[in-house]
Amino acid sequence: MANHKSALKRIRSNEAKRLRNRYQHKTARTAIRKLRSLKDVTEASELLKTISSMVDKLARKNVIHKNKASNLKSSLTKFVTSLAA
């Protein structure tokens, strides 16, 4: 167990950050699944905007890697454009 006040505070803050990151990551994954299940182009393109900002935010906070974020956005964009065709 930690002996210093700062170490105790660090344990508390790390746990809070871990839970926040986990929630945001899970929310983004659920939104991605929802997008992949859509058939309507307009609805999918609207959802793509919000998902890409969610993914960018996760990459900026190092929850996911920046290349993973880029690959996700690319594949989802390709999916939405394939709906239009």
PDB file of N, CA and C in Angstrom:
ATOM      1  N   MET A   1       0.847  -1.187   0.000  1.00  0.00           N
ATOM      2  CA  MET A   1       0.000   0.000   0.000  1.00  0.00           C
ATOM      3  C   MET A   1       0.885   1.240   0.000  1.00  0.00           C
ATOM      4  N   ALA A   2       0.405   2.311  -0.610  1.00  0.00           N
ATOM      5  CA  ALA A   2       1.168   3.554  -0.706  1.00  0.00           C
ATOM      6  C   ALA A   2       1.275   4.225   0.662  1.00  0.00           C
ATOM      7  N   ASN A   3       2.403   4.860   0.880  1.00  0.00           N
ATOM      8  CA  ASN A   3       2.650   5.508   2.168  1.00  0.00           C
ATOM      9  C   ASN A   3       2.574   7.022   2.099  1.00  0.00           C
ATOM     10  N   HIS A   4       2.769   7.586   0.930  1.00  0.00           N
ATOM     11  CA  HIS A   4       2.788   9.042   0.790  1.00  0.00           C
ATOM     12  C   HIS A   4       1.426   9.551   0.344  1.00  0.00           C
ATOM     13  N   LYS A   5       1.140  10.787   0.768  1.00  0.00           N
ATOM     14  CA  LYS A   5      -0.132  11.401   0.380  1.00  0.00           C
ATOM     15  C   LYS A   5      -0.248  11.520  -1.140  1.00  0.00           C
ATOM     16  N   SER A   6       0.849  11.905  -1.765  1.00  0.00           N
ATOM     17  CA  SER A   6       0.813  12.091  -3.221  1.00  0.00           C
ATOM     18  C   SER A   6       0.580  10.760  -3.937  1.00  0.00           C
ATOM     19  N   ALA A   7       1.130   9.675  -3.385  1.00  0.00           N
ATOM     20  CA  ALA A   7       0.926   8.366  -4.000  1.00  0.00           C
ATOM     21  C   ALA A   7      -0.524   7.921  -3.849  1.00  0.00           C
ATOM     22  N   LEU A   8      -1.119   8.214  -2.705  1.00  0.00           N
ATOM     23  CA  LEU A   8      -2.535   7.880  -2.502  1.00  0.00           C
ATOM     24  C   LEU A   8      -3.415   8.657  -3.466  1.00  0.00           C
ATOM     25  N   LYS A   9      -3.085   9.944  -3.648  1.00  0.00           N
ATOM     26  CA  LYS A   9      -3.856  10.774  -4.581  1.00  0.00           C
ATOM     27  C   LYS A   9      -3.676  10.257  -6.012  1.00  0.00           C
ATOM     28  N   ARG A  10      -2.457   9.845  -6.356  1.00  0.00           N
ATOM     29  CA  ARG A  10      -2.190   9.327  -7.688  1.00  0.00           C
ATOM     30  C   ARG A  10      -3.006   8.058  -7.954  1.00  0.00           C
ATOM     31  N   ILE A  11      -3.148   7.209  -6.949  1.00  0.00           N
ATOM     32  CA  ILE A  11      -3.951   5.991  -7.092  1.00  0.00           C
ATOM     33  C   ILE A  11      -5.413   6.351  -7.360  1.00  0.00           C
ATOM     34  N   ARG A  12      -5.917   7.330  -6.610  1.00  0.00           N
ATOM     35  CA  ARG A  12      -7.315   7.752  -6.810  1.00  0.00           C
ATOM     36  C   ARG A  12      -7.521   8.356  -8.188  1.00  0.00           C
ATOM     37  N   SER A  13      -6.601   9.245  -8.594  1.00  0.00           N
ATOM     38  CA  SER A  13      -6.776   9.911  -9.888  1.00  0.00           C
ATOM     39  C   SER A  13      -6.601   8.934 -11.047  1.00  0.00           C
ATOM     40  N   ASN A  14      -5.667   7.982 -10.908  1.00  0.00           N
ATOM     41  CA  ASN A  14      -5.486   6.979 -11.968  1.00  0.00           C
ATOM     42  C   ASN A  14      -6.744   6.141 -12.149  1.00  0.00           C
ATOM     43  N   GLU A  15      -7.373   5.775 -11.050  1.00  0.00           N
ATOM     44  CA  GLU A  15      -8.605   4.975 -11.140  1.00  0.00           C
ATOM     45  C   GLU A  15      -9.719   5.759 -11.812  1.00  0.00           C
ATOM     46  N   ALA A  16      -9.843   7.048 -11.456  1.00  0.00           N
ATOM     47  CA  ALA A  16     -10.875   7.883 -12.076  1.00  0.00           C
ATOM     48  C   ALA A  16     -10.627   8.027 -13.576  1.00  0.00           C
ATOM     49  N   LYS A  17      -9.370   8.246 -13.951  1.00  0.00           N
ATOM     50  CA  LYS A  17      -9.036   8.386 -15.369  1.00  0.00           C
ATOM     51  C   LYS A  17      -9.262   7.078 -16.119  1.00  0.00           C
ATOM     52  N   ARG A  18      -8.920   5.954 -15.482  1.00  0.00           N
ATOM     53  CA  ARG A  18      -9.104   4.646 -16.116  1.00  0.00           C
ATOM     54  C   ARG A  18     -10.576   4.393 -16.420  1.00  0.00           C
ATOM     55  N   LEU A  19     -11.441   4.710 -15.452  1.00  0.00           N
ATOM     56  CA  LEU A  19     -12.872   4.505 -15.650  1.00  0.00           C
ATOM     57  C   LEU A  19     -13.423   5.421 -16.740  1.00  0.00           C
ATOM     58  N   ARG A  20     -12.950   6.671 -16.763  1.00  0.00           N
ATOM     59  CA  ARG A  20     -13.409   7.617 -17.784  1.00  0.00           C
ATOM     60  C   ARG A  20     -12.971   7.152 -19.165  1.00  0.00           C
ATOM     61  N   ASN A  21     -11.702   6.732 -19.299  1.00  0.00           N
ATOM     62  CA  ASN A  21     -11.196   6.251 -20.584  1.00  0.00           C
ATOM     63  C   ASN A  21     -11.951   5.017 -21.046  1.00  0.00           C
ATOM     64  N   ARG A  22     -12.228   4.117 -20.112  1.00  0.00           N
ATOM     65  CA  ARG A  22     -12.940   2.885 -20.436  1.00  0.00           C
ATOM     66  C   ARG A  22     -14.348   3.187 -20.931  1.00  0.00           C
ATOM     67  N   TYR A  23     -15.025   4.119 -20.262  1.00  0.00           N
ATOM     68  CA  TYR A  23     -16.375   4.507 -20.667  1.00  0.00           C
ATOM     69  C   TYR A  23     -16.375   5.108 -22.068  1.00  0.00           C
ATOM     70  N   GLN A  24     -15.444   6.036 -22.320  1.00  0.00           N
ATOM     71  CA  GLN A  24     -15.398   6.697 -23.620  1.00  0.00           C
ATOM     72  C   GLN A  24     -15.031   5.719 -24.733  1.00  0.00           C
ATOM     73  N   HIS A  25     -14.112   4.801 -24.454  1.00  0.00           N
ATOM     74  CA  HIS A  25     -13.708   3.807 -25.446  1.00  0.00           C
ATOM     75  C   HIS A  25     -14.874   2.873 -25.772  1.00  0.00           C
ATOM     76  N   LYS A  26     -15.582   2.425 -24.757  1.00  0.00           N
ATOM     77  CA  LYS A  26     -16.719   1.526 -24.952  1.00  0.00           C
ATOM     78  C   LYS A  26     -17.842   2.231 -25.715  1.00  0.00           C
ATOM     79  N   THR A  27     -18.082   3.501 -25.410  1.00  0.00           N
ATOM     80  CA  THR A  27     -19.106   4.272 -26.101  1.00  0.00           C
ATOM     81  C   THR A  27     -18.773   4.399 -27.584  1.00  0.00           C
ATOM     82  N   ALA A  28     -17.510   4.647 -27.887  1.00  0.00           N
ATOM     83  CA  ALA A  28     -17.090   4.772 -29.284  1.00  0.00           C
ATOM     84  C   ALA A  28     -17.251   3.440 -30.013  1.00  0.00           C
ATOM     85  N   ARG A  29     -16.878   2.341 -29.370  1.00  0.00           N
ATOM     86  CA  ARG A  29     -17.010   1.032 -30.007  1.00  0.00           C
ATOM     87  C   ARG A  29     -18.473   0.701 -30.290  1.00  0.00           C
ATOM     88  N   THR A  30     -19.361   1.039 -29.362  1.00  0.00           N
ATOM     89  CA  THR A  30     -20.786   0.789 -29.558  1.00  0.00           C
ATOM     90  C   THR A  30     -21.314   1.619 -30.719  1.00  0.00           C
ATOM     91  N   ALA A  31     -20.877   2.873 -30.819  1.00  0.00           N
ATOM     92  CA  ALA A  31     -21.313   3.737 -31.918  1.00  0.00           C
ATOM     93  C   ALA A  31     -20.808   3.204 -33.256  1.00  0.00           C
ATOM     94  N   ILE A  32     -19.603   2.654 -33.273  1.00  0.00           N
ATOM     95  CA  ILE A  32     -19.045   2.088 -34.505  1.00  0.00           C
ATOM     96  C   ILE A  32     -19.866   0.884 -34.942  1.00  0.00           C
ATOM     97  N   ARG A  33     -20.244   0.038 -33.986  1.00  0.00           N
ATOM     98  CA  ARG A  33     -21.092  -1.119 -34.314  1.00  0.00           C
ATOM     99  C   ARG A  33     -22.440  -0.660 -34.868  1.00  0.00           C
ATOM    100  N   LYS A  34     -22.982   0.392 -34.277  1.00  0.00           N
ATOM    101  CA  LYS A  34     -24.261   0.922 -34.739  1.00  0.00           C
ATOM    102  C   LYS A  34     -24.129   1.446 -36.171  1.00  0.00           C
ATOM    103  N   LEU A  35     -23.035   2.138 -36.456  1.00  0.00           N
ATOM    104  CA  LEU A  35     -22.810   2.672 -37.798  1.00  0.00           C
ATOM    105  C   LEU A  35     -22.701   1.542 -38.820  1.00  0.00           C
ATOM    106  N   ARG A  36     -21.980   0.487 -38.473  1.00  0.00           N
ATOM    107  CA  ARG A  36     -21.798  -0.621 -39.415  1.00  0.00           C
ATOM    108  C   ARG A  36     -23.089  -1.387 -39.685  1.00  0.00           C
ATOM    109  N   SER A  37     -24.066  -1.239 -38.799  1.00  0.00           N
ATOM    110  CA  SER A  37     -25.328  -1.938 -39.004  1.00  0.00           C
ATOM    111  C   SER A  37     -26.335  -1.112 -39.807  1.00  0.00           C
ATOM    112  N   LEU A  38     -26.027   0.167 -40.040  1.00  0.00           N
ATOM    113  CA  LEU A  38     -26.955   1.047 -40.747  1.00  0.00           C
ATOM    114  C   LEU A  38     -26.983   0.751 -42.245  1.00  0.00           C
ATOM    115  N   LYS A  39     -28.133   1.037 -42.860  1.00  0.00           N
ATOM    116  CA  LYS A  39     -28.289   0.887 -44.312  1.00  0.00           C
ATOM    117  C   LYS A  39     -28.576   2.225 -44.992  1.00  0.00           C
ATOM    118  N   ASP A  40     -29.009   3.213 -44.213  1.00  0.00           N
ATOM    119  CA  ASP A  40     -29.361   4.523 -44.760  1.00  0.00           C
ATOM    120  C   ASP A  40     -28.107   5.396 -44.873  1.00  0.00           C
ATOM    121  N   VAL A  41     -27.911   6.004 -46.036  1.00  0.00           N
ATOM    122  CA  VAL A  41     -26.692   6.767 -46.304  1.00  0.00           C
ATOM    123  C   VAL A  41     -26.645   8.056 -45.494  1.00  0.00           C
ATOM    124  N   THR A  42     -27.755   8.784 -45.463  1.00  0.00           N
ATOM    125  CA  THR A  42     -27.747  10.079 -44.781  1.00  0.00           C
ATOM    126  C   THR A  42     -27.545   9.914 -43.277  1.00  0.00           C
ATOM    127  N   GLU A  43     -28.214   8.931 -42.703  1.00  0.00           N
ATOM    128  CA  GLU A  43     -28.069   8.669 -41.278  1.00  0.00           C
ATOM    129  C   GLU A  43     -26.645   8.222 -40.956  1.00  0.00           C
ATOM    130  N   ALA A  44     -26.079   7.391 -41.836  1.00  0.00           N
ATOM    131  CA  ALA A  44     -24.718   6.893 -41.626  1.00  0.00           C
ATOM    132  C   ALA A  44     -23.694   8.019 -41.734  1.00  0.00           C
ATOM    133  N   SER A  45     -23.887   8.932 -42.676  1.00  0.00           N
ATOM    134  CA  SER A  45     -22.926  10.029 -42.830  1.00  0.00           C
ATOM    135  C   SER A  45     -22.983  10.989 -41.654  1.00  0.00           C
ATOM    136  N   GLU A  46     -24.176  11.188 -41.094  1.00  0.00           N
ATOM    137  CA  GLU A  46     -24.296  12.032 -39.893  1.00  0.00           C
ATOM    138  C   GLU A  46     -23.600  11.376 -38.700  1.00  0.00           C
ATOM    139  N   LEU A  47     -23.801  10.086 -38.544  1.00  0.00           N
ATOM    140  CA  LEU A  47     -23.178   9.363 -37.441  1.00  0.00           C
ATOM    141  C   LEU A  47     -21.668   9.286 -37.612  1.00  0.00           C
ATOM    142  N   LEU A  48     -21.210   9.240 -38.863  1.00  0.00           N
ATOM    143  CA  LEU A  48     -19.769   9.183 -39.136  1.00  0.00           C
ATOM    144  C   LEU A  48     -19.060  10.423 -38.604  1.00  0.00           C
ATOM    145  N   LYS A  49     -19.698  11.584 -38.715  1.00  0.00           N
ATOM    146  CA  LYS A  49     -19.091  12.827 -38.217  1.00  0.00           C
ATOM    147  C   LYS A  49     -18.854  12.753 -36.717  1.00  0.00           C
ATOM    148  N   THR A  50     -19.865  12.286 -35.984  1.00  0.00           N
ATOM    149  CA  THR A  50     -19.710  12.218 -34.527  1.00  0.00           C
ATOM    150  C   THR A  50     -18.699  11.141 -34.123  1.00  0.00           C
ATOM    151  N   ILE A  51     -18.715  10.025 -34.844  1.00  0.00           N
ATOM    152  CA  ILE A  51     -17.782   8.944 -34.512  1.00  0.00           C
ATOM    153  C   ILE A  51     -16.348   9.363 -34.791  1.00  0.00           C
ATOM    154  N   SER A  52     -16.119  10.053 -35.893  1.00  0.00           N
ATOM    155  CA  SER A  52     -14.741  10.454 -36.192  1.00  0.00           C
ATOM    156  C   SER A  52     -14.216  11.445 -35.161  1.00  0.00           C
ATOM    157  N   SER A  53     -15.080  12.305 -34.641  1.00  0.00           N
ATOM    158  CA  SER A  53     -14.617  13.210 -33.579  1.00  0.00           C
ATOM    159  C   SER A  53     -14.367  12.443 -32.283  1.00  0.00           C
ATOM    160  N   MET A  54     -15.193  11.426 -31.995  1.00  0.00           N
ATOM    161  CA  MET A  54     -14.967  10.594 -30.813  1.00  0.00           C
ATOM    162  C   MET A  54     -13.631   9.865 -30.910  1.00  0.00           C
ATOM    163  N   VAL A  55     -13.362   9.304 -32.078  1.00  0.00           N
ATOM    164  CA  VAL A  55     -12.135   8.547 -32.292  1.00  0.00           C
ATOM    165  C   VAL A  55     -10.922   9.470 -32.217  1.00  0.00           C
ATOM    166  N   ASP A  56     -11.042  10.673 -32.790  1.00  0.00           N
ATOM    167  CA  ASP A  56      -9.943  11.641 -32.708  1.00  0.00           C
ATOM    168  C   ASP A  56      -9.647  12.014 -31.259  1.00  0.00           C
ATOM    169  N   LYS A  57     -10.689  12.189 -30.478  1.00  0.00           N
ATOM    170  CA  LYS A  57     -10.508  12.543 -29.074  1.00  0.00           C
ATOM    171  C   LYS A  57      -9.816  11.418 -28.308  1.00  0.00           C
ATOM    172  N   LEU A  58     -10.194  10.162 -28.605  1.00  0.00           N
ATOM    173  CA  LEU A  58      -9.551   9.022 -27.956  1.00  0.00           C
ATOM    174  C   LEU A  58      -8.073   8.944 -28.335  1.00  0.00           C
ATOM    175  N   ALA A  59      -7.759   9.229 -29.579  1.00  0.00           N
ATOM    176  CA  ALA A  59      -6.363   9.193 -30.014  1.00  0.00           C
ATOM    177  C   ALA A  59      -5.569  10.331 -29.385  1.00  0.00           C
ATOM    178  N   ARG A  60      -6.198  11.490 -29.262  1.00  0.00           N
ATOM    179  CA  ARG A  60      -5.515  12.642 -28.668  1.00  0.00           C
ATOM    180  C   ARG A  60      -5.181  12.396 -27.205  1.00  0.00           C
ATOM    181  N   LYS A  61      -6.041  11.642 -26.519  1.00  0.00           N
ATOM    182  CA  LYS A  61      -5.814  11.345 -25.101  1.00  0.00           C
ATOM    183  C   LYS A  61      -5.052  10.044 -24.897  1.00  0.00           C
ATOM    184  N   ASN A  62      -4.529   9.464 -25.983  1.00  0.00           N
ATOM    185  CA  ASN A  62      -3.742   8.221 -25.952  1.00  0.00           C
ATOM    186  C   ASN A  62      -4.515   7.038 -25.394  1.00  0.00           C
ATOM    187  N   VAL A  63      -5.822   7.032 -25.558  1.00  0.00           N
ATOM    188  CA  VAL A  63      -6.609   5.854 -25.194  1.00  0.00           C
ATOM    189  C   VAL A  63      -6.438   4.802 -26.278  1.00  0.00           C
ATOM    190  N   ILE A  64      -6.437   5.256 -27.542  1.00  0.00           N
ATOM    191  CA  ILE A  64      -6.105   4.381 -28.659  1.00  0.00           C
ATOM    192  C   ILE A  64      -4.959   5.029 -29.435  1.00  0.00           C
ATOM    193  N   HIS A  65      -4.270   4.233 -30.223  1.00  0.00           N
ATOM    194  CA  HIS A  65      -3.140   4.731 -30.995  1.00  0.00           C
ATOM    195  C   HIS A  65      -3.637   5.588 -32.152  1.00  0.00           C
ATOM    196  N   LYS A  66      -2.845   6.584 -32.542  1.00  0.00           N
ATOM    197  CA  LYS A  66      -3.271   7.487 -33.616  1.00  0.00           C
ATOM    198  C   LYS A  66      -3.443   6.763 -34.941  1.00  0.00           C
ATOM    199  N   ASN A  67      -2.626   5.730 -35.197  1.00  0.00           N
ATOM    200  CA  ASN A  67      -2.773   4.972 -36.446  1.00  0.00           C
ATOM    201  C   ASN A  67      -4.051   4.142 -36.431  1.00  0.00           C
ATOM    202  N   LYS A  68      -4.411   3.601 -35.272  1.00  0.00           N
ATOM    203  CA  LYS A  68      -5.666   2.857 -35.159  1.00  0.00           C
ATOM    204  C   LYS A  68      -6.843   3.787 -35.427  1.00  0.00           C
ATOM    205  N   ALA A  69      -6.774   4.996 -34.894  1.00  0.00           N
ATOM    206  CA  ALA A  69      -7.833   5.970 -35.132  1.00  0.00           C
ATOM    207  C   ALA A  69      -7.946   6.288 -36.618  1.00  0.00           C
ATOM    208  N   SER A  70      -6.819   6.457 -37.256  1.00  0.00           N
ATOM    209  CA  SER A  70      -6.801   6.756 -38.683  1.00  0.00           C
ATOM    210  C   SER A  70      -7.374   5.602 -39.493  1.00  0.00           C
ATOM    211  N   ASN A  71      -6.973   4.375 -39.155  1.00  0.00           N
ATOM    212  CA  ASN A  71      -7.486   3.200 -39.863  1.00  0.00           C
ATOM    213  C   ASN A  71      -8.986   3.033 -39.665  1.00  0.00           C
ATOM    214  N   LEU A  72      -9.461   3.280 -38.442  1.00  0.00           N
ATOM    215  CA  LEU A  72     -10.898   3.189 -38.163  1.00  0.00           C
ATOM    216  C   LEU A  72     -11.678   4.196 -38.992  1.00  0.00           C
ATOM    217  N   LYS A  73     -11.221   5.443 -38.988  1.00  0.00           N
ATOM    218  CA  LYS A  73     -11.921   6.487 -39.728  1.00  0.00           C
ATOM    219  C   LYS A  73     -11.926   6.183 -41.220  1.00  0.00           C
ATOM    220  N   SER A  74     -10.819   5.668 -41.726  1.00  0.00           N
ATOM    221  CA  SER A  74     -10.721   5.331 -43.144  1.00  0.00           C
ATOM    222  C   SER A  74     -11.697   4.216 -43.513  1.00  0.00           C
ATOM    223  N   SER A  75     -11.705   3.152 -42.711  1.00  0.00           N
ATOM    224  CA  SER A  75     -12.581   2.023 -43.043  1.00  0.00           C
ATOM    225  C   SER A  75     -14.050   2.402 -42.913  1.00  0.00           C
ATOM    226  N   LEU A  76     -14.381   3.224 -41.926  1.00  0.00           N
ATOM    227  CA  LEU A  76     -15.775   3.648 -41.770  1.00  0.00           C
ATOM    228  C   LEU A  76     -16.204   4.576 -42.901  1.00  0.00           C
ATOM    229  N   THR A  77     -15.294   5.436 -43.352  1.00  0.00           N
ATOM    230  CA  THR A  77     -15.608   6.313 -44.469  1.00  0.00           C
ATOM    231  C   THR A  77     -15.842   5.505 -45.746  1.00  0.00           C
ATOM    232  N   LYS A  78     -15.002   4.497 -45.949  1.00  0.00           N
ATOM    233  CA  LYS A  78     -15.189   3.613 -47.111  1.00  0.00           C
ATOM    234  C   LYS A  78     -16.531   2.890 -47.024  1.00  0.00           C
ATOM    235  N   PHE A  79     -16.910   2.476 -45.812  1.00  0.00           N
ATOM    236  CA  PHE A  79     -18.188   1.799 -45.645  1.00  0.00           C
ATOM    237  C   PHE A  79     -19.351   2.728 -45.998  1.00  0.00           C
ATOM    238  N   VAL A  80     -19.301   3.971 -45.520  1.00  0.00           N
ATOM    239  CA  VAL A  80     -20.388   4.914 -45.778  1.00  0.00           C
ATOM    240  C   VAL A  80     -20.482   5.246 -47.266  1.00  0.00           C
ATOM    241  N   THR A  81     -19.333   5.395 -47.918  1.00  0.00           N
ATOM    242  CA  THR A  81     -19.379   5.684 -49.356  1.00  0.00           C
ATOM    243  C   THR A  81     -19.875   4.478 -50.159  1.00  0.00           C
ATOM    244  N   SER A  82     -19.626   3.265 -49.653  1.00  0.00           N
ATOM    245  CA  SER A  82     -20.127   2.083 -50.356  1.00  0.00           C
ATOM    246  C   SER A  82     -21.648   1.963 -50.225  1.00  0.00           C
ATOM    247  N   LEU A  83     -22.210   2.545 -49.180  1.00  0.00           N
ATOM    248  CA  LEU A  83     -23.668   2.559 -49.038  1.00  0.00           C
ATOM    249  C   LEU A  83     -24.316   3.414 -50.123  1.00  0.00           C
ATOM    250  N   ALA A  84     -23.630   4.494 -50.482  1.00  0.00           N
ATOM    251  CA  ALA A  84     -24.176   5.400 -51.477  1.00  0.00           C
ATOM    252  C   ALA A  84     -24.189   4.772 -52.868  1.00  0.00           C
ATOM    253  N   ALA A  85     -23.259   3.897 -53.143  1.00  0.00           N
ATOM    254  CA  ALA A  85     -23.159   3.304 -54.475  1.00  0.00           C
ATOM    255  C   ALA A  85     -24.192   2.225 -54.708  1.00  0.00           C
TER     256      ALA A  85
END
